[in-house]
PDB file of N, CA and C in Angstrom:
ATOM      1  N   MET A   1      24.664  -5.167   6.273  1.00  0.00           N
ATOM      2  CA  MET A   1      23.780  -4.023   6.082  1.00  0.00           C
ATOM      3  C   MET A   1      23.411  -3.872   4.614  1.00  0.00           C
ATOM      4  N   VAL A   2      24.388  -3.997   3.740  1.00  0.00           N
ATOM      5  CA  VAL A   2      24.127  -3.843   2.314  1.00  0.00           C
ATOM      6  C   VAL A   2      23.136  -4.898   1.832  1.00  0.00           C
ATOM      7  N   THR A   3      23.260  -6.116   2.350  1.00  0.00           N
ATOM      8  CA  THR A   3      22.347  -7.189   1.953  1.00  0.00           C
ATOM      9  C   THR A   3      20.920  -6.869   2.369  1.00  0.00           C
ATOM     10  N   SER A   4      20.729  -6.390   3.596  1.00  0.00           N
ATOM     11  CA  SER A   4      19.370  -6.094   4.057  1.00  0.00           C
ATOM     12  C   SER A   4      18.771  -4.931   3.275  1.00  0.00           C
ATOM     13  N   VAL A   5      19.552  -3.928   2.946  1.00  0.00           N
ATOM     14  CA  VAL A   5      19.056  -2.813   2.139  1.00  0.00           C
ATOM     15  C   VAL A   5      18.662  -3.320   0.758  1.00  0.00           C
ATOM     16  N   GLY A   6      19.455  -4.194   0.190  1.00  0.00           N
ATOM     17  CA  GLY A   6      19.134  -4.774  -1.112  1.00  0.00           C
ATOM     18  C   GLY A   6      17.835  -5.545  -1.094  1.00  0.00           C
ATOM     19  N   ARG A   7      17.587  -6.245  -0.012  1.00  0.00           N
ATOM     20  CA  ARG A   7      16.339  -7.002   0.098  1.00  0.00           C
ATOM     21  C   ARG A   7      15.135  -6.081   0.218  1.00  0.00           C
ATOM     22  N   VAL A   8      15.281  -4.999   0.928  1.00  0.00           N
ATOM     23  CA  VAL A   8      14.188  -4.037   1.074  1.00  0.00           C
ATOM     24  C   VAL A   8      13.919  -3.340  -0.254  1.00  0.00           C
ATOM     25  N   ASN A   9      14.971  -2.969  -0.951  1.00  0.00           N
ATOM     26  CA  ASN A   9      14.825  -2.194  -2.182  1.00  0.00           C
ATOM     27  C   ASN A   9      14.813  -3.055  -3.441  1.00  0.00           C
ATOM     28  N   GLY A  10      14.774  -4.354  -3.297  1.00  0.00           N
ATOM     29  CA  GLY A  10      14.822  -5.253  -4.452  1.00  0.00           C
ATOM     30  C   GLY A  10      13.529  -5.280  -5.237  1.00  0.00           C
ATOM     31  N   ASP A  11      13.487  -6.189  -6.185  1.00  0.00           N
ATOM     32  CA  ASP A  11      12.316  -6.360  -7.038  1.00  0.00           C
ATOM     33  C   ASP A  11      11.357  -7.327  -6.355  1.00  0.00           C
ATOM     34  N   HIS A  12      10.251  -6.818  -5.847  1.00  0.00           N
ATOM     35  CA  HIS A  12       9.295  -7.622  -5.086  1.00  0.00           C
ATOM     36  C   HIS A  12       7.983  -7.847  -5.821  1.00  0.00           C
ATOM     37  N   TRP A  13       7.958  -7.590  -7.124  1.00  0.00           N
ATOM     38  CA  TRP A  13       6.707  -7.700  -7.860  1.00  0.00           C
ATOM     39  C   TRP A  13       6.108  -9.097  -7.806  1.00  0.00           C
ATOM     40  N   ALA A  14       6.933 -10.127  -7.908  1.00  0.00           N
ATOM     41  CA  ALA A  14       6.395 -11.494  -7.872  1.00  0.00           C
ATOM     42  C   ALA A  14       5.648 -11.742  -6.567  1.00  0.00           C
ATOM     43  N   ASP A  15       6.204 -11.271  -5.454  1.00  0.00           N
ATOM     44  CA  ASP A  15       5.538 -11.439  -4.153  1.00  0.00           C
ATOM     45  C   ASP A  15       4.255 -10.624  -4.084  1.00  0.00           C
ATOM     46  N   ARG A  16       4.308  -9.408  -4.564  1.00  0.00           N
ATOM     47  CA  ARG A  16       3.139  -8.524  -4.499  1.00  0.00           C
ATOM     48  C   ARG A  16       1.983  -9.032  -5.352  1.00  0.00           C
ATOM     49  N   LEU A  17       2.314  -9.684  -6.451  1.00  0.00           N
ATOM     50  CA  LEU A  17       1.280 -10.137  -7.381  1.00  0.00           C
ATOM     51  C   LEU A  17       0.910 -11.601  -7.195  1.00  0.00           C
ATOM     52  N   ALA A  18       1.457 -12.250  -6.188  1.00  0.00           N
ATOM     53  CA  ALA A  18       1.258 -13.689  -5.995  1.00  0.00           C
ATOM     54  C   ALA A  18      -0.148 -14.042  -5.531  1.00  0.00           C
ATOM     55  N   THR A  19      -0.887 -13.092  -5.058  1.00  0.00           N
ATOM     56  CA  THR A  19      -2.242 -13.341  -4.583  1.00  0.00           C
ATOM     57  C   THR A  19      -3.171 -12.268  -5.123  1.00  0.00           C
ATOM     58  N   ASP A  20      -4.447 -12.597  -5.174  1.00  0.00           N
ATOM     59  CA  ASP A  20      -5.405 -11.585  -5.606  1.00  0.00           C
ATOM     60  C   ASP A  20      -6.496 -11.370  -4.563  1.00  0.00           C
ATOM     61  N   CYS A  21      -6.175 -11.718  -3.311  1.00  0.00           N
ATOM     62  CA  CYS A  21      -7.150 -11.458  -2.251  1.00  0.00           C
ATOM     63  C   CYS A  21      -7.299  -9.944  -2.089  1.00  0.00           C
ATOM     64  N   PRO A  22      -8.441  -9.486  -1.623  1.00  0.00           N
ATOM     65  CA  PRO A  22      -8.643  -8.045  -1.458  1.00  0.00           C
ATOM     66  C   PRO A  22      -7.563  -7.430  -0.558  1.00  0.00           C
ATOM     67  N   ALA A  23      -7.076  -6.286  -0.976  1.00  0.00           N
ATOM     68  CA  ALA A  23      -6.032  -5.593  -0.215  1.00  0.00           C
ATOM     69  C   ALA A  23      -6.274  -4.096  -0.274  1.00  0.00           C
ATOM     70  N   LEU A  24      -5.870  -3.431   0.768  1.00  0.00           N
ATOM     71  CA  LEU A  24      -5.954  -1.978   0.843  1.00  0.00           C
ATOM     72  C   LEU A  24      -4.540  -1.442   1.008  1.00  0.00           C
ATOM     73  N   LEU A  25      -4.113  -0.618   0.088  1.00  0.00           N
ATOM     74  CA  LEU A  25      -2.825   0.056   0.194  1.00  0.00           C
ATOM     75  C   LEU A  25      -3.093   1.476   0.667  1.00  0.00           C
ATOM     76  N   ILE A  26      -2.650   1.763   1.873  1.00  0.00           N
ATOM     77  CA  ILE A  26      -2.783   3.121   2.403  1.00  0.00           C
ATOM     78  C   ILE A  26      -1.440   3.804   2.199  1.00  0.00           C
ATOM     79  N   HIS A  27      -1.454   4.832   1.391  1.00  0.00           N
ATOM     80  CA  HIS A  27      -0.231   5.520   0.992  1.00  0.00           C
ATOM     81  C   HIS A  27      -0.177   6.902   1.621  1.00  0.00           C
ATOM     82  N   GLY A  28       0.904   7.163   2.319  1.00  0.00           N
ATOM     83  CA  GLY A  28       1.157   8.503   2.834  1.00  0.00           C
ATOM     84  C   GLY A  28       1.707   9.358   1.708  1.00  0.00           C
ATOM     85  N   THR A  29       1.013  10.409   1.350  1.00  0.00           N
ATOM     86  CA  THR A  29       1.398  11.200   0.184  1.00  0.00           C
ATOM     87  C   THR A  29       2.746  11.908   0.368  1.00  0.00           C
ATOM     88  N   ARG A  30       3.234  11.991   1.591  1.00  0.00           N
ATOM     89  CA  ARG A  30       4.550  12.590   1.840  1.00  0.00           C
ATOM     90  C   ARG A  30       5.587  11.526   2.167  1.00  0.00           C
ATOM     91  N   SER A  31       5.306  10.287   1.829  1.00  0.00           N
ATOM     92  CA  SER A  31       6.237   9.185   2.092  1.00  0.00           C
ATOM     93  C   SER A  31       7.518   9.355   1.286  1.00  0.00           C
ATOM     94  N   ASP A  32       8.637   9.132   1.941  1.00  0.00           N
ATOM     95  CA  ASP A  32       9.912   9.113   1.221  1.00  0.00           C
ATOM     96  C   ASP A  32      10.334   7.675   0.924  1.00  0.00           C
ATOM     97  N   THR A  33       9.432   6.723   1.208  1.00  0.00           N
ATOM     98  CA  THR A  33       9.695   5.310   0.971  1.00  0.00           C
ATOM     99  C   THR A  33       8.941   4.786  -0.235  1.00  0.00           C
ATOM    100  N   LEU A  34       7.701   5.178  -0.376  1.00  0.00           N
ATOM    101  CA  LEU A  34       6.854   4.705  -1.466  1.00  0.00           C
ATOM    102  C   LEU A  34       6.325   5.907  -2.236  1.00  0.00           C
ATOM    103  N   THR A  35       6.696   6.005  -3.499  1.00  0.00           N
ATOM    104  CA  THR A  35       6.221   7.128  -4.301  1.00  0.00           C
ATOM    105  C   THR A  35       4.765   6.919  -4.697  1.00  0.00           C
ATOM    106  N   GLU A  36       4.104   7.997  -5.031  1.00  0.00           N
ATOM    107  CA  GLU A  36       2.720   7.899  -5.480  1.00  0.00           C
ATOM    108  C   GLU A  36       2.639   7.081  -6.770  1.00  0.00           C
ATOM    109  N   ALA A  37       3.598   7.268  -7.660  1.00  0.00           N
ATOM    110  CA  ALA A  37       3.608   6.515  -8.920  1.00  0.00           C
ATOM    111  C   ALA A  37       3.727   5.020  -8.660  1.00  0.00           C
ATOM    112  N   HIS A  38       4.571   4.634  -7.719  1.00  0.00           N
ATOM    113  CA  HIS A  38       4.739   3.217  -7.403  1.00  0.00           C
ATOM    114  C   HIS A  38       3.467   2.654  -6.770  1.00  0.00           C
ATOM    115  N   ALA A  39       2.860   3.414  -5.884  1.00  0.00           N
ATOM    116  CA  ALA A  39       1.610   2.973  -5.254  1.00  0.00           C
ATOM    117  C   ALA A  39       0.529   2.761  -6.309  1.00  0.00           C
ATOM    118  N   LYS A  40       0.404   3.694  -7.236  1.00  0.00           N
ATOM    119  CA  LYS A  40      -0.610   3.576  -8.282  1.00  0.00           C
ATOM    120  C   LYS A  40      -0.306   2.422  -9.227  1.00  0.00           C
ATOM    121  N   GLU A  41       0.978   2.175  -9.488  1.00  0.00           N
ATOM    122  CA  GLU A  41       1.340   1.039 -10.330  1.00  0.00           C
ATOM    123  C   GLU A  41       0.948  -0.275  -9.664  1.00  0.00           C
ATOM    124  N   LEU A  42       1.222  -0.379  -8.372  1.00  0.00           N
ATOM    125  CA  LEU A  42       0.857  -1.593  -7.644  1.00  0.00           C
ATOM    126  C   LEU A  42      -0.645  -1.839  -7.724  1.00  0.00           C
ATOM    127  N   VAL A  43      -1.427  -0.805  -7.495  1.00  0.00           N
ATOM    128  CA  VAL A  43      -2.883  -0.933  -7.530  1.00  0.00           C
ATOM    129  C   VAL A  43      -3.366  -1.312  -8.932  1.00  0.00           C
ATOM    130  N   SER A  44      -2.742  -0.762  -9.947  1.00  0.00           N
ATOM    131  CA  SER A  44      -3.168  -1.067 -11.314  1.00  0.00           C
ATOM    132  C   SER A  44      -2.780  -2.488 -11.735  1.00  0.00           C
ATOM    133  N   ARG A  45      -1.709  -3.016 -11.165  1.00  0.00           N
ATOM    134  CA  ARG A  45      -1.234  -4.347 -11.564  1.00  0.00           C
ATOM    135  C   ARG A  45      -1.807  -5.478 -10.726  1.00  0.00           C
ATOM    136  N   ARG A  46      -2.233  -5.178  -9.507  1.00  0.00           N
ATOM    137  CA  ARG A  46      -2.683  -6.228  -8.599  1.00  0.00           C
ATOM    138  C   ARG A  46      -4.200  -6.215  -8.507  1.00  0.00           C
ATOM    139  N   PRO A  47      -4.847  -7.306  -8.903  1.00  0.00           N
ATOM    140  CA  PRO A  47      -6.312  -7.367  -8.835  1.00  0.00           C
ATOM    141  C   PRO A  47      -6.837  -7.169  -7.416  1.00  0.00           C
ATOM    142  N   HIS A  48      -7.992  -6.572  -7.315  1.00  0.00           N
ATOM    143  CA  HIS A  48      -8.718  -6.420  -6.044  1.00  0.00           C
ATOM    144  C   HIS A  48      -7.945  -5.596  -5.018  1.00  0.00           C
ATOM    145  N   THR A  49      -7.161  -4.642  -5.492  1.00  0.00           N
ATOM    146  CA  THR A  49      -6.396  -3.784  -4.592  1.00  0.00           C
ATOM    147  C   THR A  49      -6.926  -2.368  -4.683  1.00  0.00           C
ATOM    148  N   SER A  50      -7.187  -1.781  -3.535  1.00  0.00           N
ATOM    149  CA  SER A  50      -7.690  -0.408  -3.457  1.00  0.00           C
ATOM    150  C   SER A  50      -6.601   0.495  -2.908  1.00  0.00           C
ATOM    151  N   LEU A  51      -6.599   1.729  -3.349  1.00  0.00           N
ATOM    152  CA  LEU A  51      -5.639   2.719  -2.881  1.00  0.00           C
ATOM    153  C   LEU A  51      -6.363   3.794  -2.089  1.00  0.00           C
ATOM    154  N   ALA A  52      -5.866   4.057  -0.906  1.00  0.00           N
ATOM    155  CA  ALA A  52      -6.337   5.183  -0.095  1.00  0.00           C
ATOM    156  C   ALA A  52      -5.112   6.023   0.233  1.00  0.00           C
ATOM    157  N   GLN A  53      -5.265   7.313   0.208  1.00  0.00           N
ATOM    158  CA  GLN A  53      -4.126   8.188   0.467  1.00  0.00           C
ATOM    159  C   GLN A  53      -4.413   9.113   1.633  1.00  0.00           C
ATOM    160  N   LEU A  54      -3.362   9.324   2.421  1.00  0.00           N
ATOM    161  CA  LEU A  54      -3.437  10.225   3.568  1.00  0.00           C
ATOM    162  C   LEU A  54      -2.309  11.246   3.465  1.00  0.00           C
ATOM    163  N   PRO A  55      -2.531  12.464   3.913  1.00  0.00           N
ATOM    164  CA  PRO A  55      -1.498  13.492   3.847  1.00  0.00           C
ATOM    165  C   PRO A  55      -0.492  13.335   4.997  1.00  0.00           C
ATOM    166  N   THR A  56       0.349  12.314   4.879  1.00  0.00           N
ATOM    167  CA  THR A  56       1.308  12.006   5.930  1.00  0.00           C
ATOM    168  C   THR A  56       2.541  11.354   5.317  1.00  0.00           C
ATOM    169  N   GLY A  57       3.491  11.020   6.175  1.00  0.00           N
ATOM    170  CA  GLY A  57       4.681  10.297   5.731  1.00  0.00           C
ATOM    171  C   GLY A  57       4.401   8.809   5.634  1.00  0.00           C
ATOM    172  N   HIS A  58       5.473   8.018   5.705  1.00  0.00           N
ATOM    173  CA  HIS A  58       5.334   6.571   5.487  1.00  0.00           C
ATOM    174  C   HIS A  58       4.729   5.832   6.680  1.00  0.00           C
ATOM    175  N   THR A  59       5.007   6.241   7.895  1.00  0.00           N
ATOM    176  CA  THR A  59       4.607   5.435   9.046  1.00  0.00           C
ATOM    177  C   THR A  59       3.544   6.057   9.948  1.00  0.00           C
ATOM    178  N   ALA A  60       3.241   7.299   9.776  1.00  0.00           N
ATOM    179  CA  ALA A  60       2.264   7.935  10.657  1.00  0.00           C
ATOM    180  C   ALA A  60       0.850   7.451  10.344  1.00  0.00           C
ATOM    181  N   ALA A  61       0.020   7.401  11.366  1.00  0.00           N
ATOM    182  CA  ALA A  61      -1.386   7.013  11.192  1.00  0.00           C
ATOM    183  C   ALA A  61      -2.266   8.158  11.681  1.00  0.00           C
ATOM    184  N   PRO A  62      -2.462   9.163  10.856  1.00  0.00           N
ATOM    185  CA  PRO A  62      -3.241  10.336  11.274  1.00  0.00           C
ATOM    186  C   PRO A  62      -4.731  10.059  11.288  1.00  0.00           C
ATOM    187  N   ASP A  63      -5.463  11.096  11.632  1.00  0.00           N
ATOM    188  CA  ASP A  63      -6.922  11.002  11.570  1.00  0.00           C
ATOM    189  C   ASP A  63      -7.319  10.502  10.186  1.00  0.00           C
ATOM    190  N   GLY A  64      -8.283   9.655  10.160  1.00  0.00           N
ATOM    191  CA  GLY A  64      -8.755   9.126   8.891  1.00  0.00           C
ATOM    192  C   GLY A  64      -8.289   7.711   8.613  1.00  0.00           C
ATOM    193  N   PHE A  65      -7.203   7.288   9.230  1.00  0.00           N
ATOM    194  CA  PHE A  65      -6.663   5.941   8.999  1.00  0.00           C
ATOM    195  C   PHE A  65      -7.681   4.866   9.369  1.00  0.00           C
ATOM    196  N   ALA A  66      -8.203   4.946  10.581  1.00  0.00           N
ATOM    197  CA  ALA A  66      -9.158   3.931  11.048  1.00  0.00           C
ATOM    198  C   ALA A  66     -10.415   3.929  10.188  1.00  0.00           C
ATOM    199  N   ALA A  67     -10.871   5.098   9.777  1.00  0.00           N
ATOM    200  CA  ALA A  67     -12.066   5.172   8.933  1.00  0.00           C
ATOM    201  C   ALA A  67     -11.823   4.520   7.581  1.00  0.00           C
ATOM    202  N   MET A  68     -10.625   4.697   7.017  1.00  0.00           N
ATOM    203  CA  MET A  68     -10.298   4.067   5.732  1.00  0.00           C
ATOM    204  C   MET A  68     -10.281   2.547   5.849  1.00  0.00           C
ATOM    205  N   VAL A  69      -9.666   2.060   6.911  1.00  0.00           N
ATOM    206  CA  VAL A  69      -9.605   0.610   7.119  1.00  0.00           C
ATOM    207  C   VAL A  69     -11.001   0.056   7.361  1.00  0.00           C
ATOM    208  N   SER A  70     -11.785   0.739   8.166  1.00  0.00           N
ATOM    209  CA  SER A  70     -13.149   0.290   8.459  1.00  0.00           C
ATOM    210  C   SER A  70     -13.996   0.245   7.191  1.00  0.00           C
ATOM    211  N   ALA A  71     -13.906   1.269   6.366  1.00  0.00           N
ATOM    212  CA  ALA A  71     -14.670   1.308   5.118  1.00  0.00           C
ATOM    213  C   ALA A  71     -14.250   0.170   4.188  1.00  0.00           C
ATOM    214  N   PHE A  72     -12.949  -0.097   4.120  1.00  0.00           N
ATOM    215  CA  PHE A  72     -12.461  -1.198   3.286  1.00  0.00           C
ATOM    216  C   PHE A  72     -13.005  -2.533   3.787  1.00  0.00           C
ATOM    217  N   LEU A  73     -12.923  -2.752   5.085  1.00  0.00           N
ATOM    218  CA  LEU A  73     -13.435  -4.011   5.639  1.00  0.00           C
ATOM    219  C   LEU A  73     -14.939  -4.137   5.436  1.00  0.00           C
ATOM    220  N   ASP A  74     -15.660  -3.047   5.586  1.00  0.00           N
ATOM    221  CA  ASP A  74     -17.104  -3.070   5.331  1.00  0.00           C
ATOM    222  C   ASP A  74     -17.401  -3.445   3.876  1.00  0.00           C
ATOM    223  N   SER A  75     -16.552  -2.996   2.956  1.00  0.00           N
ATOM    224  CA  SER A  75     -16.779  -3.288   1.538  1.00  0.00           C
ATOM    225  C   SER A  75     -16.612  -4.770   1.232  1.00  0.00           C
ATOM    226  N   LEU A  76     -15.917  -5.490   2.090  1.00  0.00           N
ATOM    227  CA  LEU A  76     -15.700  -6.924   1.873  1.00  0.00           C
ATOM    228  C   LEU A  76     -16.900  -7.763   2.293  1.00  0.00           C
ATOM    229  N   LYS A  77     -17.791  -7.178   3.048  1.00  0.00           N
ATOM    230  CA  LYS A  77     -18.959  -7.908   3.534  1.00  0.00           C
ATOM    231  C   LYS A  77     -19.947  -8.210   2.416  1.00  0.00           C
ATOM    232  N   GLY A  78     -19.803  -7.497   1.316  1.00  0.00           N
ATOM    233  CA  GLY A  78     -20.659  -7.764   0.167  1.00  0.00           C
ATOM    234  C   GLY A  78     -21.842  -6.931   0.193  1.00  0.00           C
TER     235      GLY A  78
END
């Protein structure tokens, strides 16, 4: 158990920054897993990454989720 927790909470920056393909980070503003500061840091450090925020926790997909994903995908069409 301790090993798996360590892997989840470890330093994953190399993996996160290994690609620069377009990405959308949808952050639940009430998440107890990902802080707003961490989400903004990821977006600032990783090229071609957009941040969208929803007033929810870490795993819920409230109204607006599908619209955010659709808008992001539409933006990739050029």
